[in-house]
PDB file of N, CA and C in Angstrom:
ATOM      1  N   MET A   1    -169.298 155.308  76.779  1.00  0.00           N
ATOM      2  CA  MET A   1    -168.369 155.831  77.719  1.00  0.00           C
ATOM      3  C   MET A   1    -168.381 157.349  77.629  1.00  0.00           C
ATOM      4  N   GLY A   2    -168.306 157.889  78.775  1.00  0.00           N
ATOM      5  CA  GLY A   2    -168.316 159.339  78.829  1.00  0.00           C
ATOM      6  C   GLY A   2    -166.897 159.884  78.968  1.00  0.00           C
ATOM      7  N   ILE A   3    -166.754 161.068  78.580  1.00  0.00           N
ATOM      8  CA  ILE A   3    -165.455 161.723  78.704  1.00  0.00           C
ATOM      9  C   ILE A   3    -165.408 162.411  80.058  1.00  0.00           C
ATOM     10  N   MET A   4    -164.322 162.141  80.794  1.00  0.00           N
ATOM     11  CA  MET A   4    -164.179 162.727  82.119  1.00  0.00           C
ATOM     12  C   MET A   4    -163.252 163.937  82.012  1.00  0.00           C
ATOM     13  N   THR A   5    -163.710 165.018  82.461  1.00  0.00           N
ATOM     14  CA  THR A   5    -162.882 166.220  82.455  1.00  0.00           C
ATOM     15  C   THR A   5    -162.514 166.563  83.889  1.00  0.00           C
ATOM     16  N   VAL A   6    -161.301 166.971  84.031  1.00  0.00           N
ATOM     17  CA  VAL A   6    -160.817 167.366  85.347  1.00  0.00           C
ATOM     18  C   VAL A   6    -160.628 168.872  85.332  1.00  0.00           C
ATOM     19  N   ALA A   7    -161.285 169.488  86.227  1.00  0.00           N
ATOM     20  CA  ALA A   7    -161.146 170.944  86.325  1.00  0.00           C
ATOM     21  C   ALA A   7    -159.853 171.261  87.058  1.00  0.00           C
ATOM     22  N   SER A   8    -159.124 172.159  86.508  1.00  0.00           N
ATOM     23  CA  SER A   8    -157.868 172.526  87.174  1.00  0.00           C
ATOM     24  C   SER A   8    -158.184 173.502  88.286  1.00  0.00           C
ATOM     25  N   GLN A   9    -157.610 173.197  89.400  1.00  0.00           N
ATOM     26  CA  GLN A   9    -157.799 174.076  90.540  1.00  0.00           C
ATOM     27  C   GLN A   9    -156.466 174.747  90.843  1.00  0.00           C
ATOM     28  N   THR A  10    -156.535 175.991  91.053  1.00  0.00           N
ATOM     29  CA  THR A  10    -155.329 176.689  91.468  1.00  0.00           C
ATOM     30  C   THR A  10    -155.393 176.856  92.979  1.00  0.00           C
ATOM     31  N   VAL A  11    -154.405 176.307  93.613  1.00  0.00           N
ATOM     32  CA  VAL A  11    -154.351 176.382  95.061  1.00  0.00           C
ATOM     33  C   VAL A  11    -153.330 177.441  95.427  1.00  0.00           C
ATOM     34  N   SER A  12    -153.784 178.437  96.097  1.00  0.00           N
ATOM     35  CA  SER A  12    -152.857 179.481  96.510  1.00  0.00           C
ATOM     36  C   SER A  12    -152.384 179.159  97.919  1.00  0.00           C
ATOM     37  N   PRO A  13    -151.090 179.230  98.121  1.00  0.00           N
ATOM     38  CA  PRO A  13    -150.592 178.934  99.461  1.00  0.00           C
ATOM     39  C   PRO A  13    -151.090 179.974 100.454  1.00  0.00           C
ATOM     40  N   ALA A  14    -151.247 179.522 101.647  1.00  0.00           N
ATOM     41  CA  ALA A  14    -151.705 180.442 102.681  1.00  0.00           C
ATOM     42  C   ALA A  14    -150.648 181.520 102.887  1.00  0.00           C
ATOM     43  N   THR A  15    -151.066 182.721 102.753  1.00  0.00           N
ATOM     44  CA  THR A  15    -150.121 183.819 102.918  1.00  0.00           C
ATOM     45  C   THR A  15    -150.119 184.242 104.373  1.00  0.00           C
ATOM     46  N   SER A  16    -148.958 184.238 104.949  1.00  0.00           N
ATOM     47  CA  SER A  16    -148.857 184.696 106.326  1.00  0.00           C
ATOM     48  C   SER A  16    -148.230 186.072 106.330  1.00  0.00           C
ATOM     49  N   SER A  17    -148.613 186.825 107.312  1.00  0.00           N
ATOM     50  CA  SER A  17    -148.093 188.188 107.371  1.00  0.00           C
ATOM     51  C   SER A  17    -146.664 188.230 107.910  1.00  0.00           C
ATOM     52  N   LEU A  18    -146.177 187.099 108.475  1.00  0.00           N
ATOM     53  CA  LEU A  18    -144.840 187.085 109.049  1.00  0.00           C
ATOM     54  C   LEU A  18    -144.033 185.973 108.409  1.00  0.00           C
ATOM     55  N   THR A  19    -143.139 186.346 107.517  1.00  0.00           N
ATOM     56  CA  THR A  19    -142.237 185.377 106.913  1.00  0.00           C
ATOM     57  C   THR A  19    -140.870 185.537 107.546  1.00  0.00           C
ATOM     58  N   LEU A  20    -139.968 184.618 107.241  1.00  0.00           N
ATOM     59  CA  LEU A  20    -138.635 184.667 107.835  1.00  0.00           C
ATOM     60  C   LEU A  20    -137.888 185.931 107.424  1.00  0.00           C
ATOM     61  N   SER A  21    -137.985 186.289 106.144  1.00  0.00           N
ATOM     62  CA  SER A  21    -137.259 187.483 105.698  1.00  0.00           C
ATOM     63  C   SER A  21    -137.839 188.751 106.316  1.00  0.00           C
ATOM     64  N   SER A  22    -139.143 188.788 106.494  1.00  0.00           N
ATOM     65  CA  SER A  22    -139.713 189.985 107.117  1.00  0.00           C
ATOM     66  C   SER A  22    -139.399 190.027 108.607  1.00  0.00           C
ATOM     67  N   ALA A  23    -139.288 188.834 109.237  1.00  0.00           N
ATOM     68  CA  ALA A  23    -138.939 188.818 110.661  1.00  0.00           C
ATOM     69  C   ALA A  23    -137.502 189.267 110.858  1.00  0.00           C
ATOM     70  N   LEU A  24    -136.613 188.856 109.952  1.00  0.00           N
ATOM     71  CA  LEU A  24    -135.215 189.252 110.085  1.00  0.00           C
ATOM     72  C   LEU A  24    -134.987 190.713 109.723  1.00  0.00           C
ATOM     73  N   SER A  25    -135.888 191.280 108.952  1.00  0.00           N
ATOM     74  CA  SER A  25    -135.721 192.685 108.595  1.00  0.00           C
ATOM     75  C   SER A  25    -136.357 193.612 109.628  1.00  0.00           C
ATOM     76  N   ASN A  26    -136.951 193.034 110.658  1.00  0.00           N
ATOM     77  CA  ASN A  26    -137.511 193.820 111.744  1.00  0.00           C
ATOM     78  C   ASN A  26    -136.355 194.462 112.517  1.00  0.00           C
ATOM     79  N   PRO A  27    -136.389 195.754 112.748  1.00  0.00           N
ATOM     80  CA  PRO A  27    -135.266 196.422 113.429  1.00  0.00           C
ATOM     81  C   PRO A  27    -134.989 195.877 114.831  1.00  0.00           C
ATOM     82  N   LEU A  28    -136.026 195.501 115.560  1.00  0.00           N
ATOM     83  CA  LEU A  28    -135.802 194.968 116.905  1.00  0.00           C
ATOM     84  C   LEU A  28    -135.100 193.621 116.867  1.00  0.00           C
ATOM     85  N   VAL A  29    -135.444 192.794 115.874  1.00  0.00           N
ATOM     86  CA  VAL A  29    -134.782 191.499 115.727  1.00  0.00           C
ATOM     87  C   VAL A  29    -133.327 191.710 115.328  1.00  0.00           C
ATOM     88  N   GLU A  30    -133.093 192.661 114.444  1.00  0.00           N
ATOM     89  CA  GLU A  30    -131.713 192.956 114.038  1.00  0.00           C
ATOM     90  C   GLU A  30    -130.879 193.432 115.224  1.00  0.00           C
ATOM     91  N   LEU A  31    -131.444 194.284 116.066  1.00  0.00           N
ATOM     92  CA  LEU A  31    -130.710 194.755 117.240  1.00  0.00           C
ATOM     93  C   LEU A  31    -130.435 193.605 118.213  1.00  0.00           C
ATOM     94  N   ALA A  32    -131.401 192.714 118.381  1.00  0.00           N
ATOM     95  CA  ALA A  32    -131.187 191.555 119.254  1.00  0.00           C
ATOM     96  C   ALA A  32    -130.095 190.654 118.690  1.00  0.00           C
ATOM     97  N   LEU A  33    -130.088 190.461 117.370  1.00  0.00           N
ATOM     98  CA  LEU A  33    -129.056 189.632 116.748  1.00  0.00           C
ATOM     99  C   LEU A  33    -127.680 190.284 116.849  1.00  0.00           C
ATOM    100  N   ILE A  34    -127.607 191.599 116.761  1.00  0.00           N
ATOM    101  CA  ILE A  34    -126.338 192.305 116.923  1.00  0.00           C
ATOM    102  C   ILE A  34    -125.820 192.119 118.344  1.00  0.00           C
ATOM    103  N   PHE A  35    -126.719 192.190 119.336  1.00  0.00           N
ATOM    104  CA  PHE A  35    -126.325 191.979 120.721  1.00  0.00           C
ATOM    105  C   PHE A  35    -125.815 190.551 120.923  1.00  0.00           C
ATOM    106  N   VAL A  36    -126.518 189.560 120.383  1.00  0.00           N
ATOM    107  CA  VAL A  36    -126.093 188.161 120.495  1.00  0.00           C
ATOM    108  C   VAL A  36    -124.760 187.953 119.778  1.00  0.00           C
ATOM    109  N   ASP A  37    -124.576 188.620 118.656  1.00  0.00           N
ATOM    110  CA  ASP A  37    -123.306 188.544 117.933  1.00  0.00           C
ATOM    111  C   ASP A  37    -122.164 189.065 118.800  1.00  0.00           C
ATOM    112  N   GLY A  38    -122.393 190.165 119.488  1.00  0.00           N
ATOM    113  CA  GLY A  38    -121.389 190.694 120.406  1.00  0.00           C
ATOM    114  C   GLY A  38    -121.092 189.724 121.540  1.00  0.00           C
ATOM    115  N   LEU A  39    -122.134 189.071 122.071  1.00  0.00           N
ATOM    116  CA  LEU A  39    -121.928 188.065 123.114  1.00  0.00           C
ATOM    117  C   LEU A  39    -121.029 186.935 122.622  1.00  0.00           C
ATOM    118  N   LEU A  40    -121.324 186.446 121.425  1.00  0.00           N
ATOM    119  CA  LEU A  40    -120.549 185.330 120.878  1.00  0.00           C
ATOM    120  C   LEU A  40    -119.103 185.733 120.606  1.00  0.00           C
ATOM    121  N   PHE A  41    -118.901 186.934 120.079  1.00  0.00           N
ATOM    122  CA  PHE A  41    -117.540 187.417 119.862  1.00  0.00           C
ATOM    123  C   PHE A  41    -116.792 187.551 121.189  1.00  0.00           C
ATOM    124  N   GLY A  42    -117.456 188.067 122.219  1.00  0.00           N
ATOM    125  CA  GLY A  42    -116.825 188.200 123.520  1.00  0.00           C
ATOM    126  C   GLY A  42    -116.411 186.856 124.095  1.00  0.00           C
ATOM    127  N   LEU A  43    -117.305 185.872 123.992  1.00  0.00           N
ATOM    128  CA  LEU A  43    -116.962 184.526 124.466  1.00  0.00           C
ATOM    129  C   LEU A  43    -115.782 183.960 123.695  1.00  0.00           C
ATOM    130  N   GLY A  44    -115.800 184.110 122.384  1.00  0.00           N
ATOM    131  CA  GLY A  44    -114.728 183.575 121.551  1.00  0.00           C
ATOM    132  C   GLY A  44    -113.396 184.243 121.822  1.00  0.00           C
ATOM    133  N   ILE A  45    -113.411 185.552 121.985  1.00  0.00           N
ATOM    134  CA  ILE A  45    -112.170 186.281 122.246  1.00  0.00           C
ATOM    135  C   ILE A  45    -111.597 185.877 123.605  1.00  0.00           C
ATOM    136  N   LYS A  46    -112.466 185.737 124.611  1.00  0.00           N
ATOM    137  CA  LYS A  46    -111.960 185.359 125.928  1.00  0.00           C
ATOM    138  C   LYS A  46    -111.318 183.975 125.884  1.00  0.00           C
ATOM    139  N   LYS A  47    -111.956 183.052 125.218  1.00  0.00           N
ATOM    140  CA  LYS A  47    -111.382 181.706 125.099  1.00  0.00           C
ATOM    141  C   LYS A  47    -110.086 181.762 124.295  1.00  0.00           C
ATOM    142  N   GLY A  48    -110.041 182.586 123.281  1.00  0.00           N
ATOM    143  CA  GLY A  48    -108.833 182.714 122.476  1.00  0.00           C
ATOM    144  C   GLY A  48    -107.689 183.342 123.243  1.00  0.00           C
ATOM    145  N   VAL A  49    -107.993 184.359 124.057  1.00  0.00           N
ATOM    146  CA  VAL A  49    -106.954 185.014 124.848  1.00  0.00           C
ATOM    147  C   VAL A  49    -106.361 184.027 125.840  1.00  0.00           C
ATOM    148  N   TRP A  50    -107.205 183.259 126.505  1.00  0.00           N
ATOM    149  CA  TRP A  50    -106.688 182.266 127.450  1.00  0.00           C
ATOM    150  C   TRP A  50    -105.877 181.196 126.739  1.00  0.00           C
ATOM    151  N   SER A  51    -106.282 180.826 125.543  1.00  0.00           N
ATOM    152  CA  SER A  51    -105.506 179.832 124.788  1.00  0.00           C
ATOM    153  C   SER A  51    -104.117 180.370 124.454  1.00  0.00           C
ATOM    154  N   VAL A  52    -104.043 181.613 124.026  1.00  0.00           N
ATOM    155  CA  VAL A  52    -102.741 182.214 123.698  1.00  0.00           C
ATOM    156  C   VAL A  52    -101.865 182.319 124.941  1.00  0.00           C
ATOM    157  N   ILE A  53    -102.451 182.720 126.062  1.00  0.00           N
ATOM    158  CA  ILE A  53    -101.681 182.818 127.302  1.00  0.00           C
ATOM    159  C   ILE A  53    -101.131 181.450 127.696  1.00  0.00           C
ATOM    160  N   LEU A  54    -101.949 180.416 127.609  1.00  0.00           N
ATOM    161  CA  LEU A  54    -101.486 179.077 127.979  1.00  0.00           C
ATOM    162  C   LEU A  54    -100.410 178.565 127.019  1.00  0.00           C
ATOM    163  N   ILE A  55    -100.531 178.900 125.745  1.00  0.00           N
ATOM    164  CA  ILE A  55     -99.508 178.484 124.779  1.00  0.00           C
ATOM    165  C   ILE A  55     -98.185 179.186 125.071  1.00  0.00           C
ATOM    166  N   VAL A  56     -98.235 180.490 125.383  1.00  0.00           N
ATOM    167  CA  VAL A  56     -97.009 181.221 125.701  1.00  0.00           C
ATOM    168  C   VAL A  56     -96.362 180.653 126.962  1.00  0.00           C
ATOM    169  N   VAL A  57     -97.167 180.341 127.978  1.00  0.00           N
ATOM    170  CA  VAL A  57     -96.617 179.744 129.199  1.00  0.00           C
ATOM    171  C   VAL A  57     -95.973 178.399 128.891  1.00  0.00           C
ATOM    172  N   ALA A  58     -96.634 177.594 128.045  1.00  0.00           N
ATOM    173  CA  ALA A  58     -96.074 176.283 127.696  1.00  0.00           C
ATOM    174  C   ALA A  58     -94.756 176.430 126.933  1.00  0.00           C
ATOM    175  N   VAL A  59     -94.679 177.387 126.027  1.00  0.00           N
ATOM    176  CA  VAL A  59     -93.441 177.596 125.269  1.00  0.00           C
ATOM    177  C   VAL A  59     -92.331 178.096 126.187  1.00  0.00           C
ATOM    178  N   LEU A  60     -92.660 179.021 127.093  1.00  0.00           N
ATOM    179  CA  LEU A  60     -91.652 179.506 128.044  1.00  0.00           C
ATOM    180  C   LEU A  60     -91.154 178.375 128.933  1.00  0.00           C
ATOM    181  N   LEU A  61     -92.053 177.528 129.381  1.00  0.00           N
ATOM    182  CA  LEU A  61     -91.651 176.395 130.219  1.00  0.00           C
ATOM    183  C   LEU A  61     -90.768 175.421 129.444  1.00  0.00           C
ATOM    184  N   SER A  62     -91.109 175.175 128.194  1.00  0.00           N
ATOM    185  CA  SER A  62     -90.287 174.270 127.389  1.00  0.00           C
ATOM    186  C   SER A  62     -88.911 174.867 127.098  1.00  0.00           C
ATOM    187  N   GLU A  63     -88.847 176.190 126.912  1.00  0.00           N
ATOM    188  CA  GLU A  63     -87.552 176.842 126.720  1.00  0.00           C
ATOM    189  C   GLU A  63     -86.722 176.757 128.006  1.00  0.00           C
ATOM    190  N   TYR A  64     -87.377 176.857 129.139  1.00  0.00           N
ATOM    191  CA  TYR A  64     -86.664 176.816 130.417  1.00  0.00           C
ATOM    192  C   TYR A  64     -86.022 175.451 130.660  1.00  0.00           C
ATOM    193  N   ILE A  65     -86.706 174.394 130.242  1.00  0.00           N
ATOM    194  CA  ILE A  65     -86.153 173.053 130.464  1.00  0.00           C
ATOM    195  C   ILE A  65     -85.364 172.564 129.251  1.00  0.00           C
ATOM    196  N   ASN A  66     -85.058 173.484 128.334  1.00  0.00           N
ATOM    197  CA  ASN A  66     -84.280 173.183 127.127  1.00  0.00           C
ATOM    198  C   ASN A  66     -84.941 172.138 126.236  1.00  0.00           C
ATOM    199  N   TYR A  67     -86.235 172.210 126.138  1.00  0.00           N
ATOM    200  CA  TYR A  67     -86.975 171.344 125.230  1.00  0.00           C
ATOM    201  C   TYR A  67     -87.541 172.227 124.130  1.00  0.00           C
ATOM    202  N   SER A  68     -87.183 171.933 122.899  1.00  0.00           N
ATOM    203  CA  SER A  68     -87.599 172.770 121.782  1.00  0.00           C
ATOM    204  C   SER A  68     -88.944 172.302 121.243  1.00  0.00           C
ATOM    205  N   VAL A  69     -89.928 173.163 121.335  1.00  0.00           N
ATOM    206  CA  VAL A  69     -91.250 172.838 120.793  1.00  0.00           C
ATOM    207  C   VAL A  69     -91.188 172.836 119.272  1.00  0.00           C
ATOM    208  N   LEU A  70     -90.594 173.869 118.724  1.00  0.00           N
ATOM    209  CA  LEU A  70     -90.387 173.963 117.286  1.00  0.00           C
ATOM    210  C   LEU A  70     -88.887 173.981 117.035  1.00  0.00           C
ATOM    211  N   PRO A  71     -88.392 173.052 116.257  1.00  0.00           N
ATOM    212  CA  PRO A  71     -86.948 173.020 116.043  1.00  0.00           C
ATOM    213  C   PRO A  71     -86.453 174.264 115.309  1.00  0.00           C
ATOM    214  N   ASN A  72     -85.231 174.636 115.614  1.00  0.00           N
ATOM    215  CA  ASN A  72     -84.524 175.761 114.982  1.00  0.00           C
ATOM    216  C   ASN A  72     -85.230 177.103 115.188  1.00  0.00           C
ATOM    217  N   THR A  73     -85.943 177.240 116.289  1.00  0.00           N
ATOM    218  CA  THR A  73     -86.553 178.524 116.618  1.00  0.00           C
ATOM    219  C   THR A  73     -86.219 178.870 118.056  1.00  0.00           C
ATOM    220  N   SER A  74     -86.349 180.132 118.356  1.00  0.00           N
ATOM    221  CA  SER A  74     -86.140 180.574 119.736  1.00  0.00           C
ATOM    222  C   SER A  74     -87.149 181.668 120.043  1.00  0.00           C
ATOM    223  N   LEU A  75     -87.263 181.961 121.307  1.00  0.00           N
ATOM    224  CA  LEU A  75     -88.204 183.006 121.705  1.00  0.00           C
ATOM    225  C   LEU A  75     -87.765 184.377 121.222  1.00  0.00           C
ATOM    226  N   THR A  76     -86.470 184.600 121.123  1.00  0.00           N
ATOM    227  CA  THR A  76     -86.009 185.919 120.671  1.00  0.00           C
ATOM    228  C   THR A  76     -86.419 186.180 119.225  1.00  0.00           C
ATOM    229  N   THR A  77     -86.297 185.173 118.359  1.00  0.00           N
ATOM    230  CA  THR A  77     -86.732 185.379 116.961  1.00  0.00           C
ATOM    231  C   THR A  77     -88.238 185.550 116.892  1.00  0.00           C
ATOM    232  N   PHE A  78     -88.960 184.825 117.734  1.00  0.00           N
ATOM    233  CA  PHE A  78     -90.418 184.968 117.761  1.00  0.00           C
ATOM    234  C   PHE A  78     -90.816 186.365 118.214  1.00  0.00           C
ATOM    235  N   PHE A  79     -90.226 186.831 119.327  1.00  0.00           N
ATOM    236  CA  PHE A  79     -90.564 188.156 119.831  1.00  0.00           C
ATOM    237  C   PHE A  79     -90.122 189.259 118.877  1.00  0.00           C
ATOM    238  N   ASP A  80     -89.017 189.066 118.164  1.00  0.00           N
ATOM    239  CA  ASP A  80     -88.588 190.046 117.164  1.00  0.00           C
ATOM    240  C   ASP A  80     -89.597 190.131 116.015  1.00  0.00           C
ATOM    241  N   ALA A  81     -90.111 188.988 115.593  1.00  0.00           N
ATOM    242  CA  ALA A  81     -91.104 188.969 114.518  1.00  0.00           C
ATOM    243  C   ALA A  81     -92.400 189.627 114.969  1.00  0.00           C
ATOM    244  N   VAL A  82     -92.827 189.341 116.195  1.00  0.00           N
ATOM    245  CA  VAL A  82     -94.051 189.961 116.724  1.00  0.00           C
ATOM    246  C   VAL A  82     -93.858 191.464 116.858  1.00  0.00           C
ATOM    247  N   LYS A  83     -92.698 191.895 117.345  1.00  0.00           N
ATOM    248  CA  LYS A  83     -92.411 193.320 117.501  1.00  0.00           C
ATOM    249  C   LYS A  83     -92.432 194.037 116.150  1.00  0.00           C
ATOM    250  N   ALA A  84     -91.837 193.415 115.127  1.00  0.00           N
ATOM    251  CA  ALA A  84     -91.839 194.014 113.792  1.00  0.00           C
ATOM    252  C   ALA A  84     -93.260 194.109 113.240  1.00  0.00           C
ATOM    253  N   HIS A  85     -94.067 193.103 113.492  1.00  0.00           N
ATOM    254  CA  HIS A  85     -95.447 193.124 113.004  1.00  0.00           C
ATOM    255  C   HIS A  85     -96.265 194.204 113.713  1.00  0.00           C
ATOM    256  N   ILE A  86     -96.091 194.345 115.010  1.00  0.00           N
ATOM    257  CA  ILE A  86     -96.815 195.380 115.760  1.00  0.00           C
ATOM    258  C   ILE A  86     -96.379 196.770 115.307  1.00  0.00           C
ATOM    259  N   GLU A  87     -95.081 196.956 115.073  1.00  0.00           N
ATOM    260  CA  GLU A  87     -94.605 198.247 114.572  1.00  0.00           C
ATOM    261  C   GLU A  87     -95.191 198.555 113.200  1.00  0.00           C
ATOM    262  N   TYR A  88     -95.320 197.527 112.343  1.00  0.00           N
ATOM    263  CA  TYR A  88     -95.928 197.733 111.027  1.00  0.00           C
ATOM    264  C   TYR A  88     -97.383 198.163 111.170  1.00  0.00           C
ATOM    265  N   ILE A  89     -98.110 197.518 112.068  1.00  0.00           N
ATOM    266  CA  ILE A  89     -99.522 197.862 112.261  1.00  0.00           C
ATOM    267  C   ILE A  89     -99.650 199.286 112.784  1.00  0.00           C
ATOM    268  N   ILE A  90     -98.818 199.651 113.745  1.00  0.00           N
ATOM    269  CA  ILE A  90     -98.906 200.994 114.329  1.00  0.00           C
ATOM    270  C   ILE A  90     -98.572 202.069 113.294  1.00  0.00           C
ATOM    271  N   THR A  91     -97.548 201.842 112.478  1.00  0.00           N
ATOM    272  CA  THR A  91     -97.169 202.858 111.497  1.00  0.00           C
ATOM    273  C   THR A  91     -98.148 202.948 110.329  1.00  0.00           C
ATOM    274  N   ASN A  92     -98.850 201.857 110.019  1.00  0.00           N
ATOM    275  CA  ASN A  92     -99.774 201.851 108.883  1.00  0.00           C
ATOM    276  C   ASN A  92    -101.232 201.771 109.306  1.00  0.00           C
ATOM    277  N   ILE A  93    -101.560 202.248 110.506  1.00  0.00           N
ATOM    278  CA  ILE A  93    -102.929 202.133 111.006  1.00  0.00           C
ATOM    279  C   ILE A  93    -103.916 202.921 110.143  1.00  0.00           C
ATOM    280  N   ASN A  94    -103.480 204.023 109.558  1.00  0.00           N
ATOM    281  CA  ASN A  94    -104.384 204.804 108.711  1.00  0.00           C
ATOM    282  C   ASN A  94    -104.763 204.063 107.443  1.00  0.00           C
ATOM    283  N   LYS A  95    -103.887 203.200 106.945  1.00  0.00           N
ATOM    284  CA  LYS A  95    -104.206 202.419 105.755  1.00  0.00           C
ATOM    285  C   LYS A  95    -105.049 201.192 106.112  1.00  0.00           C
ATOM    286  N   ILE A  96    -104.833 200.636 107.301  1.00  0.00           N
ATOM    287  CA  ILE A  96    -105.545 199.435 107.701  1.00  0.00           C
ATOM    288  C   ILE A  96    -106.978 199.761 108.094  1.00  0.00           C
ATOM    289  N   VAL A  97    -107.165 200.766 108.938  1.00  0.00           N
ATOM    290  CA  VAL A  97    -108.498 201.169 109.390  1.00  0.00           C
ATOM    291  C   VAL A  97    -108.765 202.575 108.890  1.00  0.00           C
ATOM    292  N   PRO A  98    -109.666 202.712 107.927  1.00  0.00           N
ATOM    293  CA  PRO A  98    -109.958 204.060 107.405  1.00  0.00           C
ATOM    294  C   PRO A  98    -110.832 204.846 108.378  1.00  0.00           C
ATOM    295  N   PHE A  99    -110.195 205.664 109.221  1.00  0.00           N
ATOM    296  CA  PHE A  99    -110.928 206.412 110.229  1.00  0.00           C
ATOM    297  C   PHE A  99    -111.855 207.455 109.614  1.00  0.00           C
ATOM    298  N   SER A 100    -111.579 207.866 108.405  1.00  0.00           N
ATOM    299  CA  SER A 100    -112.425 208.892 107.794  1.00  0.00           C
ATOM    300  C   SER A 100    -113.803 208.342 107.442  1.00  0.00           C
ATOM    301  N   ASN A 101    -113.948 207.032 107.335  1.00  0.00           N
ATOM    302  CA  ASN A 101    -115.237 206.437 106.980  1.00  0.00           C
ATOM    303  C   ASN A 101    -116.081 206.070 108.186  1.00  0.00           C
ATOM    304  N   ILE A 102    -115.561 206.278 109.392  1.00  0.00           N
ATOM    305  CA  ILE A 102    -116.336 205.942 110.579  1.00  0.00           C
ATOM    306  C   ILE A 102    -117.368 207.029 110.804  1.00  0.00           C
ATOM    307  N   GLY A 103    -118.620 206.613 110.854  1.00  0.00           N
ATOM    308  CA  GLY A 103    -119.700 207.566 111.051  1.00  0.00           C
ATOM    309  C   GLY A 103    -119.992 207.757 112.525  1.00  0.00           C
ATOM    310  N   ALA A 104    -121.179 208.230 112.786  1.00  0.00           N
ATOM    311  CA  ALA A 104    -121.597 208.450 114.156  1.00  0.00           C
ATOM    312  C   ALA A 104    -121.787 207.103 114.858  1.00  0.00           C
ATOM    313  N   VAL A 105    -121.599 207.117 116.149  1.00  0.00           N
ATOM    314  CA  VAL A 105    -121.808 205.904 116.946  1.00  0.00           C
ATOM    315  C   VAL A 105    -123.295 205.626 116.966  1.00  0.00           C
ATOM    316  N   SER A 106    -123.657 204.436 116.537  1.00  0.00           N
ATOM    317  CA  SER A 106    -125.073 204.104 116.463  1.00  0.00           C
ATOM    318  C   SER A 106    -125.451 203.140 117.573  1.00  0.00           C
ATOM    319  N   ILE A 107    -126.737 202.917 117.730  1.00  0.00           N
ATOM    320  CA  ILE A 107    -127.227 202.010 118.764  1.00  0.00           C
ATOM    321  C   ILE A 107    -126.761 200.585 118.490  1.00  0.00           C
ATOM    322  N   SER A 108    -126.594 200.227 117.214  1.00  0.00           N
ATOM    323  CA  SER A 108    -126.142 198.873 116.911  1.00  0.00           C
ATOM    324  C   SER A 108    -124.698 198.665 117.372  1.00  0.00           C
ATOM    325  N   LEU A 109    -123.849 199.676 117.204  1.00  0.00           N
ATOM    326  CA  LEU A 109    -122.471 199.574 117.677  1.00  0.00           C
ATOM    327  C   LEU A 109    -122.417 199.514 119.200  1.00  0.00           C
ATOM    328  N   ILE A 110    -123.274 200.274 119.845  1.00  0.00           N
ATOM    329  CA  ILE A 110    -123.325 200.252 121.307  1.00  0.00           C
ATOM    330  C   ILE A 110    -123.807 198.892 121.804  1.00  0.00           C
ATOM    331  N   LEU A 111    -124.844 198.341 121.179  1.00  0.00           N
ATOM    332  CA  LEU A 111    -125.345 197.032 121.580  1.00  0.00           C
ATOM    333  C   LEU A 111    -124.301 195.946 121.345  1.00  0.00           C
ATOM    334  N   PHE A 112    -123.575 196.032 120.231  1.00  0.00           N
ATOM    335  CA  PHE A 112    -122.527 195.059 119.976  1.00  0.00           C
ATOM    336  C   PHE A 112    -121.448 195.148 121.045  1.00  0.00           C
ATOM    337  N   ALA A 113    -121.050 196.368 121.396  1.00  0.00           N
ATOM    338  CA  ALA A 113    -120.013 196.554 122.407  1.00  0.00           C
ATOM    339  C   ALA A 113    -120.472 196.055 123.770  1.00  0.00           C
ATOM    340  N   VAL A 114    -121.720 196.319 124.130  1.00  0.00           N
ATOM    341  CA  VAL A 114    -122.253 195.830 125.407  1.00  0.00           C
ATOM    342  C   VAL A 114    -122.299 194.309 125.404  1.00  0.00           C
ATOM    343  N   GLY A 115    -122.762 193.712 124.311  1.00  0.00           N
ATOM    344  CA  GLY A 115    -122.777 192.260 124.206  1.00  0.00           C
ATOM    345  C   GLY A 115    -121.379 191.670 124.270  1.00  0.00           C
ATOM    346  N   PHE A 116    -120.439 192.331 123.610  1.00  0.00           N
ATOM    347  CA  PHE A 116    -119.047 191.873 123.624  1.00  0.00           C
ATOM    348  C   PHE A 116    -118.481 191.896 125.043  1.00  0.00           C
ATOM    349  N   ILE A 117    -118.728 192.971 125.761  1.00  0.00           N
ATOM    350  CA  ILE A 117    -118.199 193.099 127.122  1.00  0.00           C
ATOM    351  C   ILE A 117    -118.843 192.069 128.044  1.00  0.00           C
ATOM    352  N   ILE A 118    -120.157 191.881 127.925  1.00  0.00           N
ATOM    353  CA  ILE A 118    -120.842 190.889 128.763  1.00  0.00           C
ATOM    354  C   ILE A 118    -120.355 189.489 128.428  1.00  0.00           C
ATOM    355  N   GLY A 119    -120.207 189.187 127.144  1.00  0.00           N
ATOM    356  CA  GLY A 119    -119.714 187.870 126.742  1.00  0.00           C
ATOM    357  C   GLY A 119    -118.295 187.622 127.217  1.00  0.00           C
ATOM    358  N   TYR A 120    -117.466 188.656 127.192  1.00  0.00           N
ATOM    359  CA  TYR A 120    -116.090 188.510 127.652  1.00  0.00           C
ATOM    360  C   TYR A 120    -116.036 188.329 129.166  1.00  0.00           C
ATOM    361  N   MET A 121    -116.849 189.082 129.884  1.00  0.00           N
ATOM    362  CA  MET A 121    -116.821 189.018 131.351  1.00  0.00           C
ATOM    363  C   MET A 121    -117.425 187.708 131.863  1.00  0.00           C
ATOM    364  N   LYS A 122    -118.446 187.211 131.226  1.00  0.00           N
ATOM    365  CA  LYS A 122    -119.141 186.016 131.708  1.00  0.00           C
ATOM    366  C   LYS A 122    -118.575 184.729 131.126  1.00  0.00           C
ATOM    367  N   GLY A 123    -117.742 184.827 130.099  1.00  0.00           N
ATOM    368  CA  GLY A 123    -117.239 183.649 129.413  1.00  0.00           C
ATOM    369  C   GLY A 123    -116.224 182.868 130.102  1.00  0.00           C
TER     370      GLY A 123
END
């Protein structure tokens, strides 16, 4: 009987010049993704705004017919709470949004804003 030896072969995977990480790091792909992100945010915000408007109309209608959606609450307490929260945001805007760290307007911010506006208008 003879001894059988198996030669080890090293198989190197085919190297492609375009991998997923290199495709995502391409500046044009990043700009396209920023634009699509703005579109999606615009669509989401528009749907959210309409949802809030419809909820407010439903609550006003229920208050008008003396039907309480949430027990032991009223629109005046709700509006007082919203007013206090908005006043807090306005007085503390410098702490919430650090304006000193905002740099120059870049093409990515412009593309996001354009995508956001298109998504909001078409949504």
